[in-house]
């Protein structure tokens, strides 16, 4: 049986039992989904133009005035089929073009990298000094530290290269455990430096930075969307996918490896550096992302008592992991703390210096999970709260990621009868992204369109406020003015999702403060990490109760602190050790234990909060 996809006019064979969603992958057509292919999000809807489908669940095929429709993840071709993929359903292949990657192009002072290349002169053996070659080399390298291991191929080359070059050689050393492993032996005079890569595997995006391990200089960086978003848009949906799909774990691992290796290929082409010259990689990411990269099942992460498969990953060879760099390159995965407090936060603590700071600091990474670390030099507390995918533009009727055409600026006039929007790149609107949602919620509240619970206040004279399929909704842009041929709206259910998301994050912070017996005013620095924070409007974020109402000068956007921390680890082995020390002393607060978080969460489901004394600078409409 064949499936033809329109408007691409691409035909692919459908294997027995294969869904339209899976057939689309074959055709290079990726459909939106936030539920891991469970048929609950209805994001993968396609129009059935001809042929017959078999529904895998009730309601997967239906009729509207516009035609016959189906959920691609829950329908299997029963004949030759032709379907149309509407713009709203399609996950564009070029959406990754909008990902921005920050990199610090300055050298890291006095690099002490995890991989060294050194030229060494050894004292030649004599009848009186017949010390073996490997031990002799170890003695000559004592200034670098103890030689505790060696790769067999290097040991095989050592005797010959020593004698052919009068006991002057070049050696490569890889950090392993508390000492050095002899990685490679070469003749003297090797001038090419070894290179390394820092990798941040985010749920939504992946970023890679290529560095010169000798100088500490960043040569280039690149970023793209994590290809796993085609299989599930958040952590939970991806875990579900690995359980429900016959080859789910394999597909998830292959997707992220394709992304990382694709970025490595781009960097290699851009810098003319052979990927075989890359001898070390430092990798950060949340606990689920690291598990999926390694092909380790994360299914128990979402089951009580939420135990991760591992938080300390052994140093591995690139060939074992699947990275297309030198096969024996060492891969250093930064340590995690718990199922939902990962290596990305540990890396962020390193990058911001929070673990050494005096007073109280907060590191906040707002995304699918609101992850945060509170503390300083004397103590560290961390937690993660499931904010849902709203801040990534998912789970929102007209939501999209931060791509060209995403609505990022929203100014609602008093009364709400007119609105001005701004899009990324000035393109025609395709939807509204997370930062735009925060602006919209704050602006609607300021305009008096919402009550303090975030509910629309009915106004029959407001042409933008109307009854929709999910109740009241507010029109941001009409179909004629958009690139997706549909109205872009904010429905009441969207606002409810967003208020729950912001409430969860603020409740998480309040819970940490309670554990530490502190008030919000005790926080002296707030580091906002991640790509989302770049576009965050500070005033509106405080207005809706997402961020604490603190003096604005205490807030600092730190960009991709996960990538920065991974790079620091790569270039300074002391930071590798510090990463493990940080993970060991970071106390994880499980929010599902006890009632404190839930009490705080309920209190935070208002704009900005039930306790207005927490937000003295916020002026309420009306």
Protein backbone atom coordinates (compact mmCIF):
# COMPACT_ATOMS: atom_id res chain seq x y z
CA UNK A 1 0.00 0.00 0.00
CA UNK A 2 1.12 3.54 -0.78
CA UNK A 3 0.63 6.79 1.11
CA UNK A 4 0.76 10.07 -0.80
CA UNK A 5 1.43 13.22 1.19
CA UNK A 6 0.20 16.58 -0.06
CA UNK A 7 1.11 19.34 -0.75
CA UNK A 8 4.58 17.77 -1.02
CA UNK A 9 3.35 15.22 -3.61
CA UNK A 10 5.57 12.55 -2.01
CA UNK A 11 4.59 8.88 -2.05
CA UNK A 12 6.02 6.20 0.25
CA UNK A 13 5.14 2.55 0.88
CA UNK A 14 3.33 1.89 4.16
CA UNK A 15 4.58 -1.18 5.96
CA UNK A 16 2.03 -3.42 7.64
CA UNK A 17 0.79 -1.90 10.88
CA UNK A 18 2.64 1.36 10.29
CA UNK A 19 0.77 4.56 11.19
CA UNK A 20 0.50 7.63 9.00
CA UNK A 21 2.84 9.36 11.46
CA UNK A 22 5.53 6.73 10.86
CA UNK A 23 4.94 6.79 7.10
CA UNK A 24 5.52 10.53 7.27
CA UNK A 25 8.94 9.96 8.83
CA UNK A 26 9.84 7.79 5.83
CA UNK A 27 8.81 10.64 3.53
CA UNK A 28 10.82 13.20 5.51
CA UNK A 29 7.58 14.84 6.67
CA UNK A 30 7.46 15.36 10.41
CA UNK A 31 4.22 16.09 12.21
CA UNK A 32 3.75 17.90 15.49
CA UNK A 33 2.96 15.86 18.58
CA UNK A 34 3.25 16.48 22.30
CA UNK A 35 1.89 13.17 23.57
CA UNK A 36 4.49 10.70 22.27
CA UNK A 37 2.08 9.28 19.71
CA UNK A 38 -0.67 8.41 22.22
CA UNK A 39 -3.44 10.24 20.39
CA UNK A 40 -4.19 12.70 23.18
CA UNK A 41 -2.77 16.00 21.90
CA UNK A 42 -4.45 16.00 18.44
CA UNK A 43 -1.49 17.95 17.02
CA UNK A 44 -0.86 15.45 14.20
CA UNK A 45 -4.23 15.87 12.45
CA UNK A 46 -4.22 15.42 8.66
CA UNK A 47 -6.94 15.70 6.05
CA UNK A 48 -7.91 12.43 4.35
CA UNK A 49 -8.29 13.18 0.65
CA UNK A 50 -8.84 9.62 -0.60
CA UNK A 51 -8.62 6.01 0.54
CA UNK A 52 -9.50 4.24 3.77
CA UNK A 53 -7.86 4.20 7.19
CA UNK A 54 -8.15 1.90 10.19
CA UNK A 55 -8.47 3.71 13.52
CA UNK A 56 -6.42 2.41 16.43
CA UNK A 57 -8.55 4.27 18.95
CA UNK A 58 -12.06 5.64 19.00
CA UNK A 59 -12.40 9.13 17.56
CA UNK A 60 -9.16 8.99 15.53
CA UNK A 61 -11.15 9.59 12.31
CA UNK A 62 -13.88 12.22 12.06
CA UNK A 63 -15.70 14.48 9.65
CA UNK A 64 -15.97 18.25 9.61
CA UNK A 65 -17.54 20.68 7.17
CA UNK A 66 -14.07 21.10 5.66
CA UNK A 67 -13.59 17.36 5.03
CA UNK A 68 -12.50 14.07 6.61
CA UNK A 69 -9.76 14.27 9.23
CA UNK A 70 -7.59 11.78 11.09
CA UNK A 71 -4.95 11.61 13.80
CA UNK A 72 -1.81 10.42 12.03
CA UNK A 73 -0.46 8.64 15.12
CA UNK A 74 -3.63 6.56 15.59
CA UNK A 75 -4.52 5.55 12.01
CA UNK A 76 -3.16 2.84 9.73
CA UNK A 77 -3.71 2.75 5.94
CA UNK A 78 -6.30 0.13 4.87
CA UNK A 79 -5.87 0.97 1.17
CA UNK A 80 -3.97 3.39 -1.04
CA UNK A 81 -4.25 6.68 0.82
CA UNK A 82 -3.75 10.35 0.01
CA UNK A 83 -3.58 12.89 2.82
CA UNK A 84 -2.94 16.61 3.13
CA UNK A 85 -0.69 17.92 5.88
CA UNK A 86 -1.91 21.42 6.87
CA UNK A 87 0.69 24.07 7.82
CA UNK A 88 -0.31 23.95 11.49
CA UNK A 89 0.44 20.22 11.68
CA UNK A 90 3.83 20.30 10.00
CA UNK A 91 7.06 20.42 11.97
CA UNK A 92 9.26 22.27 9.51
CA UNK A 93 12.65 20.83 8.69
CA UNK A 94 14.22 24.29 8.74
CA UNK A 95 12.87 25.32 12.14
CA UNK A 96 16.35 24.72 13.53
CA UNK A 97 17.60 27.68 11.56
CA UNK A 98 16.20 29.93 14.25
CA UNK A 99 18.27 28.39 17.05
CA UNK A 100 20.89 30.76 18.33
CA UNK A 101 23.95 29.42 20.09
CA UNK A 102 26.06 31.59 22.30
CA UNK A 103 29.74 30.91 22.68
CA UNK A 104 32.47 32.73 24.49
CA UNK A 105 35.18 33.35 21.90
CA UNK A 106 37.73 34.34 24.53
CA UNK A 107 40.41 32.03 25.75
CA UNK A 108 39.97 30.34 29.12
CA UNK A 109 43.02 31.41 31.10
CA UNK A 110 45.68 28.76 31.67
CA UNK A 111 43.75 25.81 30.26
CA UNK A 112 44.33 22.52 32.05
CA UNK A 113 42.28 20.34 29.68
CA UNK A 114 41.03 16.81 30.08
CA UNK A 115 43.12 15.83 27.05
CA UNK A 116 46.79 16.85 26.70
CA UNK A 117 49.40 16.65 23.97
CA UNK A 118 52.96 16.88 25.25
CA UNK A 119 56.44 16.48 23.78
CA UNK A 120 58.60 14.48 26.18
CA UNK A 121 62.34 13.71 26.29
CA UNK A 122 63.23 10.48 28.10
CA UNK A 123 66.56 9.37 29.43
CA UNK A 124 67.74 6.46 27.30
CA UNK A 125 68.04 3.10 29.09
CA UNK A 126 71.37 1.47 29.88
CA UNK A 127 72.53 -1.87 31.26
CA UNK A 128 72.55 -0.19 34.64
CA UNK A 129 69.07 1.33 34.13
CA UNK A 130 66.83 -1.18 32.39
CA UNK A 131 63.52 0.34 33.51
CA UNK A 132 60.75 -0.66 31.08
CA UNK A 133 59.59 1.87 28.51
CA UNK A 134 56.09 2.49 29.92
CA UNK A 135 57.35 3.02 33.46
CA UNK A 136 60.13 5.25 32.13
CA UNK A 137 57.55 7.36 30.33
CA UNK A 138 55.46 7.60 33.48
CA UNK A 139 58.46 8.87 35.43
CA UNK A 140 59.12 11.51 32.77
CA UNK A 141 55.50 12.67 32.97
CA UNK A 142 55.39 13.06 36.75
CA UNK A 143 55.00 16.82 36.43
CA UNK A 144 51.67 16.22 34.67
CA UNK A 145 50.49 13.69 37.24
CA UNK A 146 50.37 9.95 37.60
CA UNK A 147 50.16 7.74 34.51
CA UNK A 148 47.55 5.23 35.62
CA UNK A 149 46.60 3.53 32.35
CA UNK A 150 47.42 3.08 28.70
CA UNK A 151 45.65 2.05 25.52
CA UNK A 152 47.07 -1.11 24.03
CA UNK A 153 47.75 0.45 20.61
CA UNK A 154 49.81 3.21 22.27
CA UNK A 155 51.81 0.64 24.23
CA UNK A 156 52.49 -1.27 21.01
CA UNK A 157 53.88 1.83 19.31
CA UNK A 158 55.89 3.11 22.26
CA UNK A 159 59.11 1.01 21.98
CA UNK A 160 59.59 1.60 18.26
CA UNK A 161 58.81 5.33 18.24
CA UNK A 162 61.12 5.89 21.23
CA UNK A 163 64.08 4.31 19.53
CA UNK A 164 63.45 5.76 16.10
CA UNK A 165 63.49 9.28 17.54
CA UNK A 166 66.23 9.09 20.15
CA UNK A 167 63.78 8.81 23.03
CA UNK A 168 62.00 12.07 22.19
CA UNK A 169 58.31 11.56 21.51
CA UNK A 170 54.92 13.24 21.50
CA UNK A 171 52.29 11.71 23.74
CA UNK A 172 48.55 12.26 24.09
CA UNK A 173 47.14 11.89 27.58
CA UNK A 174 43.47 11.53 28.46
CA UNK A 175 42.21 12.20 31.97
CA UNK A 176 40.65 9.14 33.53
CA UNK A 177 39.87 8.68 37.19
CA UNK A 178 42.48 10.54 39.22
CA UNK A 179 45.28 10.08 36.71
CA UNK A 180 46.21 9.99 33.03
CA UNK A 181 45.74 7.34 30.39
CA UNK A 182 48.32 7.11 27.60
CA UNK A 183 46.12 7.62 24.53
CA UNK A 184 48.57 7.94 21.66
CA UNK A 185 52.29 7.94 20.87
CA UNK A 186 53.71 9.98 17.95
CA UNK A 187 57.09 11.21 16.72
CA UNK A 188 58.32 14.57 18.10
CA UNK A 189 57.38 17.77 16.31
CA UNK A 190 53.61 17.20 16.01
CA UNK A 191 52.30 20.75 15.61
CA UNK A 192 48.56 20.24 15.27
CA UNK A 193 46.80 20.83 18.58
CA UNK A 194 44.16 18.41 19.83
CA UNK A 195 40.59 19.66 19.69
CA UNK A 196 37.58 19.05 21.85
CA UNK A 197 33.84 19.70 21.80
CA UNK A 198 31.45 20.84 24.50
CA UNK A 199 27.92 19.56 23.94
CA UNK A 200 24.66 20.67 25.52
CA UNK A 201 21.76 18.30 24.80
CA UNK A 202 18.60 20.17 25.64
CA UNK A 203 15.08 18.82 25.38
CA UNK A 204 14.36 21.31 22.61
CA UNK A 205 17.77 22.32 21.25
CA UNK A 206 21.28 20.94 20.97
CA UNK A 207 24.37 23.14 20.96
CA UNK A 208 28.00 22.22 20.24
CA UNK A 209 31.14 24.34 20.72
CA UNK A 210 34.49 23.38 19.12
CA UNK A 211 37.57 24.39 21.12
CA UNK A 212 41.35 24.26 20.82
CA UNK A 213 42.41 22.25 23.86
CA UNK A 214 45.89 23.77 23.90
CA UNK A 215 44.90 27.43 23.85
CA UNK A 216 41.42 27.25 25.33
CA UNK A 217 40.06 29.23 22.40
CA UNK A 218 36.54 28.62 21.08
CA UNK A 219 36.78 28.15 17.33
CA UNK A 220 33.12 27.84 16.35
CA UNK A 221 29.71 26.88 17.67
CA UNK A 222 26.49 25.62 16.15
CA UNK A 223 22.99 24.76 17.32
CA UNK A 224 19.90 23.03 16.02
CA UNK A 225 16.63 21.63 17.26
CA UNK A 226 16.92 18.24 18.90
CA UNK A 227 15.50 15.83 16.29
CA UNK A 228 13.77 13.98 19.13
CA UNK A 229 11.06 16.66 19.02
CA UNK A 230 9.65 14.73 16.04
CA UNK A 231 8.99 11.81 18.36
CA UNK A 232 7.81 13.72 21.42
CA UNK A 233 7.99 17.37 22.41
CA UNK A 234 8.76 16.98 26.10
CA UNK A 235 10.62 14.63 28.42
CA UNK A 236 7.60 12.61 29.51
CA UNK A 237 6.26 12.05 25.99
CA UNK A 238 9.71 10.81 24.93
CA UNK A 239 9.91 8.39 27.82
CA UNK A 240 6.43 7.13 26.87
CA UNK A 241 7.57 6.75 23.26
CA UNK A 242 10.51 4.54 24.30
CA UNK A 243 8.05 2.30 26.13
CA UNK A 244 5.21 2.17 23.62
CA UNK A 245 7.03 2.04 20.28
CA UNK A 246 8.68 -1.31 19.35
CA UNK A 247 11.96 0.44 18.54
CA UNK A 248 11.34 3.56 20.61
CA UNK A 249 14.61 3.68 22.53
CA UNK A 250 16.63 2.99 19.38
CA UNK A 251 14.75 5.70 17.47
CA UNK A 252 15.24 8.25 20.26
CA UNK A 253 18.97 7.55 20.49
CA UNK A 254 19.39 7.70 16.73
CA UNK A 255 17.52 11.02 16.57
CA UNK A 256 19.75 12.81 19.07
CA UNK A 257 22.93 11.28 17.62
CA UNK A 258 21.90 12.48 14.17
CA UNK A 259 21.52 15.98 15.58
CA UNK A 260 24.86 16.02 17.41
CA UNK A 261 26.76 14.40 14.55
CA UNK A 262 25.15 16.76 12.06
CA UNK A 263 26.40 19.72 14.09
CA UNK A 264 29.87 18.17 14.33
CA UNK A 265 29.92 17.84 10.56
CA UNK A 266 28.95 21.51 10.17
CA UNK A 267 31.70 22.64 12.53
CA UNK A 268 34.25 20.46 10.78
CA UNK A 269 33.33 21.95 7.40
CA UNK A 270 33.29 25.49 8.76
CA UNK A 271 36.74 25.26 10.38
CA UNK A 272 38.40 22.69 8.04
CA UNK A 273 39.24 20.60 11.10
CA UNK A 274 39.09 16.84 10.60
CA UNK A 275 36.65 15.26 13.06
CA UNK A 276 39.33 12.64 13.84
CA UNK A 277 41.33 15.47 15.40
CA UNK A 278 38.62 15.89 18.03
CA UNK A 279 39.90 13.84 20.97
CA UNK A 280 37.57 14.74 23.85
CA UNK A 281 33.95 15.70 24.41
CA UNK A 282 32.23 17.09 27.52
CA UNK A 283 28.46 16.52 27.49
CA UNK A 284 25.75 18.15 29.60
CA UNK A 285 22.01 17.61 29.54
CA UNK A 286 19.15 16.64 31.78
CA UNK A 287 18.99 13.12 33.15
CA UNK A 288 16.59 11.87 30.49
CA UNK A 289 18.60 13.34 27.60
CA UNK A 290 21.83 11.74 28.83
CA UNK A 291 20.05 8.39 29.23
CA UNK A 292 18.63 8.56 25.70
CA UNK A 293 22.03 9.53 24.25
CA UNK A 294 23.54 6.41 25.80
CA UNK A 295 20.63 4.15 24.85
CA UNK A 296 19.77 3.53 28.51
CA UNK A 297 16.04 3.15 29.15
CA UNK A 298 14.67 6.12 31.13
CA UNK A 299 11.27 4.48 31.83
CA UNK A 300 11.70 4.34 35.61
CA UNK A 301 12.36 8.09 35.78
CA UNK A 302 8.61 8.73 35.68
CA UNK A 303 7.62 6.01 38.13
CA UNK A 304 7.66 6.46 41.87
CA UNK A 305 10.17 6.58 43.55
CA UNK A 306 11.63 8.24 40.38
CA UNK A 307 15.02 6.53 40.36
CA UNK A 308 17.40 7.42 37.50
CA UNK A 309 19.38 4.62 35.81
CA UNK A 310 22.61 6.45 36.65
CA UNK A 311 23.77 9.88 37.77
CA UNK A 312 27.52 9.30 37.36
CA UNK A 313 28.41 8.16 33.84
CA UNK A 314 31.74 6.39 33.38
CA UNK A 315 34.18 7.96 30.93
CA UNK A 316 33.37 6.34 27.58
CA UNK A 317 34.93 6.13 24.13
CA UNK A 318 33.25 8.07 21.33
CA UNK A 319 32.70 4.86 19.34
CA UNK A 320 30.68 3.45 22.25
CA UNK A 321 28.50 6.52 22.48
CA UNK A 322 28.12 6.92 18.73
CA UNK A 323 29.78 10.32 18.31
CA UNK A 324 31.52 10.74 14.95
CA UNK A 325 34.82 12.10 16.21
CA UNK A 326 38.03 10.16 16.84
CA UNK A 327 36.76 6.65 17.73
CA UNK A 328 38.81 6.54 20.93
CA UNK A 329 38.07 10.11 21.97
CA UNK A 330 37.05 10.33 25.60
CA UNK A 331 33.46 11.35 26.32
CA UNK A 332 32.95 13.00 29.71
CA UNK A 333 29.26 13.22 30.69
CA UNK A 334 28.75 15.66 33.54
CA UNK A 335 27.03 14.21 36.62
CA UNK A 336 23.33 14.53 37.38
CA UNK A 337 21.72 14.84 40.81
CA UNK A 338 18.32 13.18 40.44
CA UNK A 339 15.74 12.12 37.88
CA UNK A 340 14.66 15.68 37.18
CA UNK A 341 17.73 17.64 38.24
CA UNK A 342 20.32 16.94 35.63
CA UNK A 343 23.85 17.64 34.49
CA UNK A 344 22.68 20.79 32.72
CA UNK A 345 21.94 22.42 36.08
CA UNK A 346 25.23 21.18 37.57
CA UNK A 347 26.97 22.66 34.55
CA UNK A 348 25.08 25.91 35.05
CA UNK A 349 26.21 26.12 38.67
CA UNK A 350 29.81 25.85 37.45
CA UNK A 351 29.34 28.46 34.73
CA UNK A 352 27.73 31.05 37.00
CA UNK A 353 30.05 30.46 39.95
CA UNK A 354 26.96 30.07 42.14
CA UNK A 355 28.60 27.34 44.19
CA UNK A 356 31.31 29.77 45.35
CA UNK A 357 29.19 32.90 45.74
CA UNK A 358 28.65 34.72 48.99
CA UNK A 359 25.06 35.26 50.03
CA UNK A 360 22.07 33.64 48.32
CA UNK A 361 21.82 33.20 44.56
CA UNK A 362 19.21 31.55 42.35
CA UNK A 363 19.83 29.78 39.06
CA UNK A 364 16.61 29.33 37.10
CA UNK A 365 16.19 27.44 33.84
CA UNK A 366 12.66 27.87 32.51
CA UNK A 367 11.54 25.27 29.99
CA UNK A 368 9.49 22.10 29.90
CA UNK A 369 10.75 21.54 33.43
CA UNK A 370 11.32 24.51 35.68
CA UNK A 371 14.69 23.58 37.18
CA UNK A 372 16.36 25.70 39.80
CA UNK A 373 19.23 25.81 42.28
CA UNK A 374 19.25 28.06 45.32
CA UNK A 375 22.21 28.70 47.61
CA UNK A 376 25.84 29.68 47.57
CA UNK A 377 29.24 28.69 48.92
CA UNK A 378 27.89 27.06 52.08
CA UNK A 379 24.86 25.13 50.79
CA UNK A 380 22.92 24.27 47.64
CA UNK A 381 19.29 23.23 47.24
CA UNK A 382 17.70 22.21 43.96
CA UNK A 383 14.36 21.12 42.62
CA UNK A 384 12.49 20.58 39.37
CA UNK A 385 8.83 21.23 38.75
CA UNK A 386 6.93 19.99 35.75
CA UNK A 387 5.88 23.19 34.04
CA UNK A 388 4.64 21.36 30.96
CA UNK A 389 5.50 22.40 27.41
CA UNK A 390 3.70 25.77 27.45
CA UNK A 391 6.90 27.82 27.65
CA UNK A 392 8.15 26.00 24.55
CA UNK A 393 4.96 26.95 22.70
CA UNK A 394 3.62 23.40 22.91
CA UNK A 395 0.29 22.37 24.36
CA UNK A 396 -0.97 25.76 23.19
CA UNK A 397 -3.57 25.89 20.43
CA UNK A 398 -1.66 28.43 18.33
CA UNK A 399 1.68 27.71 19.96
CA UNK A 400 5.00 27.42 18.17
CA UNK A 401 8.68 27.41 19.03
CA UNK A 402 10.89 30.46 18.71
CA UNK A 403 11.12 30.38 14.90
CA UNK A 404 10.78 33.09 12.25
CA UNK A 405 7.18 34.28 12.37
CA UNK A 406 6.66 33.37 16.03
CA UNK A 407 4.81 36.12 17.88
CA UNK A 408 7.18 37.38 20.57
CA UNK A 409 5.80 40.85 21.31
CA UNK A 410 2.22 41.55 22.35
CA UNK A 411 0.77 44.91 23.37
CA UNK A 412 -2.94 44.90 24.15
CA UNK A 413 -4.64 48.28 24.29
CA UNK A 414 -6.67 49.14 27.41
CA UNK A 415 -9.97 47.32 27.12
CA UNK A 416 -8.49 44.80 24.70
CA UNK A 417 -10.21 45.98 21.50
CA UNK A 418 -6.94 46.31 19.59
CA UNK A 419 -3.56 44.63 19.78
CA UNK A 420 -0.11 45.12 18.30
CA UNK A 421 2.10 42.09 17.72
CA UNK A 422 5.73 41.62 16.75
CA UNK A 423 7.19 38.46 15.25
CA UNK A 424 10.67 36.99 15.16
CA UNK A 425 12.42 38.17 12.02
CA UNK A 426 9.43 40.32 11.11
CA UNK A 427 7.90 37.37 9.22
CA UNK A 428 4.18 36.71 8.81
CA UNK A 429 2.81 35.15 12.02
CA UNK A 430 2.90 31.36 12.34
CA UNK A 431 1.93 31.12 16.01
CA UNK A 432 2.95 32.39 19.41
CA UNK A 433 6.08 31.25 21.27
CA UNK A 434 6.73 31.01 25.00
CA UNK A 435 8.07 34.52 25.51
CA UNK A 436 5.14 35.87 23.49
CA UNK A 437 2.73 33.96 25.72
CA UNK A 438 4.16 35.63 28.81
CA UNK A 439 3.86 39.05 27.14
CA UNK A 440 0.30 38.28 26.05
CA UNK A 441 -0.79 37.11 29.50
CA UNK A 442 0.78 40.11 31.19
CA UNK A 443 -0.57 42.56 28.61
CA UNK A 444 -4.11 41.12 28.72
CA UNK A 445 -4.05 41.42 32.50
CA UNK A 446 -2.79 45.01 32.33
CA UNK A 447 -5.48 45.86 29.77
CA UNK A 448 -8.24 44.62 32.07
CA UNK A 449 -9.28 41.76 29.78
CA UNK A 450 -8.61 39.14 32.47
CA UNK A 451 -9.52 38.80 36.11
CA UNK A 452 -6.95 37.85 38.75
CA UNK A 453 -7.57 34.15 38.11
CA UNK A 454 -6.57 34.66 34.49
CA UNK A 455 -10.13 34.22 33.22
CA UNK A 456 -11.48 36.29 30.35
CA UNK A 457 -13.96 38.96 31.38
CA UNK A 458 -16.82 38.69 28.84
CA UNK A 459 -17.26 41.85 26.75
CA UNK A 460 -19.80 41.66 23.90
CA UNK A 461 -18.44 44.91 22.45
CA UNK A 462 -14.91 43.53 22.07
CA UNK A 463 -14.53 42.11 18.52
CA UNK A 464 -11.38 40.22 19.49
CA UNK A 465 -12.96 38.34 22.38
CA UNK A 466 -15.20 35.55 21.14
CA UNK A 467 -16.57 32.11 21.90
CA UNK A 468 -14.47 29.32 20.42
CA UNK A 469 -14.37 25.55 20.55
CA UNK A 470 -12.62 25.69 23.93
CA UNK A 471 -14.63 28.54 25.42
CA UNK A 472 -13.58 32.18 25.33
CA UNK A 473 -10.62 33.07 23.14
CA UNK A 474 -8.77 36.23 22.14
CA UNK A 475 -7.86 36.88 18.50
CA UNK A 476 -4.23 37.90 18.03
CA UNK A 477 -4.13 37.70 14.22
CA UNK A 478 -6.73 36.80 11.60
CA UNK A 479 -6.18 34.00 9.09
CA UNK A 480 -5.68 36.46 6.21
CA UNK A 481 -2.72 38.00 8.04
CA UNK A 482 -0.95 34.75 9.00
CA UNK A 483 1.33 32.30 7.23
CA UNK A 484 -0.62 29.25 8.45
CA UNK A 485 -3.97 30.15 6.88
CA UNK A 486 -5.66 30.06 10.30
CA UNK A 487 -6.57 32.51 13.02
CA UNK A 488 -3.96 32.79 15.75
CA UNK A 489 -5.76 32.92 19.06
CA UNK A 490 -5.25 32.57 22.77
CA UNK A 491 -7.91 30.31 24.22
CA UNK A 492 -8.90 30.15 27.87
CA UNK A 493 -7.39 26.67 28.04
CA UNK A 494 -4.08 28.14 26.82
CA UNK A 495 -4.08 30.75 29.55
CA UNK A 496 -4.95 28.09 32.12
CA UNK A 497 -1.99 25.98 30.96
CA UNK A 498 0.33 28.97 31.13
CA UNK A 499 -0.87 29.99 34.60
CA UNK A 500 -0.34 26.43 35.83
CA UNK A 501 3.17 26.46 34.34
CA UNK A 502 4.16 29.77 35.92
CA UNK A 503 2.49 28.69 39.16
CA UNK A 504 4.52 25.49 39.30
CA UNK A 505 7.80 27.36 38.86
CA UNK A 506 7.03 30.01 41.46
CA UNK A 507 5.75 27.33 43.86
CA UNK A 508 9.00 25.43 43.40
CA UNK A 509 10.97 28.54 44.34
CA UNK A 510 8.76 29.23 47.35
CA UNK A 511 9.23 25.62 48.51
CA UNK A 512 13.02 25.92 48.31
CA UNK A 513 12.87 29.19 50.26
CA UNK A 514 10.78 27.50 52.95
CA UNK A 515 13.26 24.63 53.24
CA UNK A 516 16.07 27.19 53.63
CA UNK A 517 13.95 29.37 55.98
CA UNK A 518 14.43 32.40 53.70
CA UNK A 519 12.27 35.08 52.10
CA UNK A 520 12.37 36.15 48.44
CA UNK A 521 14.07 39.40 49.49
CA UNK A 522 17.03 37.35 50.75
CA UNK A 523 17.94 36.45 47.16
CA UNK A 524 20.80 38.66 46.02
CA UNK A 525 21.33 37.36 42.46
CA UNK A 526 19.04 35.64 39.97
CA UNK A 527 20.64 33.90 36.98
CA UNK A 528 18.19 33.15 34.17
CA UNK A 529 19.57 30.42 31.94
CA UNK A 530 18.57 28.82 28.66
CA UNK A 531 17.55 30.06 25.24
CA UNK A 532 14.08 30.96 26.48
CA UNK A 533 15.48 33.52 28.89
CA UNK A 534 16.98 35.56 26.04
CA UNK A 535 13.53 36.78 24.99
CA UNK A 536 11.99 37.01 28.45
CA UNK A 537 10.36 40.34 29.28
CA UNK A 538 11.36 40.90 32.90
CA UNK A 539 8.52 43.23 33.86
CA UNK A 540 5.81 41.03 32.36
CA UNK A 541 7.37 37.91 33.93
CA UNK A 542 7.09 39.56 37.34
CA UNK A 543 3.62 40.91 36.48
CA UNK A 544 2.21 37.40 35.97
CA UNK A 545 4.03 35.94 39.00
CA UNK A 546 6.62 33.83 37.16
CA UNK A 547 9.64 35.60 38.68
CA UNK A 548 9.95 37.03 42.19
CA UNK A 549 9.41 40.77 42.60
CA UNK A 550 12.99 41.80 43.31
CA UNK A 551 15.07 44.84 42.34
CA UNK A 552 15.56 44.50 38.60
CA UNK A 553 19.33 44.81 38.84
CA UNK A 554 19.62 41.44 40.59
CA UNK A 555 18.45 39.61 37.44
CA UNK A 556 21.05 38.48 34.96
CA UNK A 557 20.54 36.53 31.75
CA UNK A 558 23.40 34.03 31.42
CA UNK A 559 22.48 32.31 28.15
CA UNK A 560 23.43 28.70 27.64
CA UNK A 561 25.10 28.11 30.99
CA UNK A 562 24.95 24.36 30.39
CA UNK A 563 27.16 24.65 27.30
CA UNK A 564 29.47 27.12 29.01
CA UNK A 565 29.92 24.83 32.01
CA UNK A 566 30.63 21.84 29.76
CA UNK A 567 33.29 23.87 27.98
CA UNK A 568 34.89 24.86 31.27
CA UNK A 569 35.01 21.19 32.28
CA UNK A 570 36.61 20.28 28.96
CA UNK A 571 39.31 22.90 29.40
CA UNK A 572 39.96 22.58 33.12
CA UNK A 573 40.12 19.17 34.78
CA UNK A 574 39.66 20.85 38.14
CA UNK A 575 36.19 21.83 36.97
CA UNK A 576 35.50 18.18 36.11
CA UNK A 577 36.27 17.32 39.71
CA UNK A 578 34.26 20.32 40.92
CA UNK A 579 31.26 19.16 38.89
CA UNK A 580 31.18 15.93 40.87
CA UNK A 581 31.69 17.77 44.15
CA UNK A 582 28.81 20.10 43.24
CA UNK A 583 26.51 17.20 42.41
CA UNK A 584 27.43 15.54 45.71
CA UNK A 585 26.65 18.59 47.85
CA UNK A 586 23.51 19.69 46.00
CA UNK A 587 20.52 18.61 48.06
CA UNK A 588 17.57 17.64 45.88
CA UNK A 589 14.16 18.62 47.22
CA UNK A 590 11.47 16.21 46.01
CA UNK A 591 8.40 18.38 45.52
CA UNK A 592 5.99 15.44 45.46
CA UNK A 593 6.84 14.62 49.07
CA UNK A 594 4.61 16.44 51.55
CA UNK A 595 2.02 19.14 50.94
CA UNK A 596 4.13 22.29 50.93
CA UNK A 597 4.57 22.48 47.16
CA UNK A 598 0.92 21.81 46.41
CA UNK A 599 -0.19 24.49 48.86
CA UNK A 600 2.19 26.97 47.22
CA UNK A 601 1.06 25.88 43.76
CA UNK A 602 -2.61 26.58 44.52
CA UNK A 603 -1.67 30.01 45.89
CA UNK A 604 0.29 30.80 42.73
CA UNK A 605 -2.63 30.17 40.34
CA UNK A 606 -3.52 33.86 40.30
CA UNK A 607 -2.11 36.98 38.65
CA UNK A 608 0.37 37.55 40.08
CA UNK A 609 -0.39 35.58 43.26
CA UNK A 610 -2.97 35.31 46.03
CA UNK A 611 -0.54 37.12 48.35
CA UNK A 612 -0.13 40.54 46.75
CA UNK A 613 2.46 41.50 49.37
CA UNK A 614 4.88 39.26 47.48
CA UNK A 615 4.55 41.57 44.44
CA UNK A 616 4.57 45.16 45.76
CA UNK A 617 5.60 46.67 42.41
CA UNK A 618 2.73 45.13 40.44
CA UNK A 619 -0.16 47.47 39.71
CA UNK A 620 -3.47 45.73 39.06
CA UNK A 621 -5.87 46.83 36.33
CA UNK A 622 -9.14 48.40 37.36
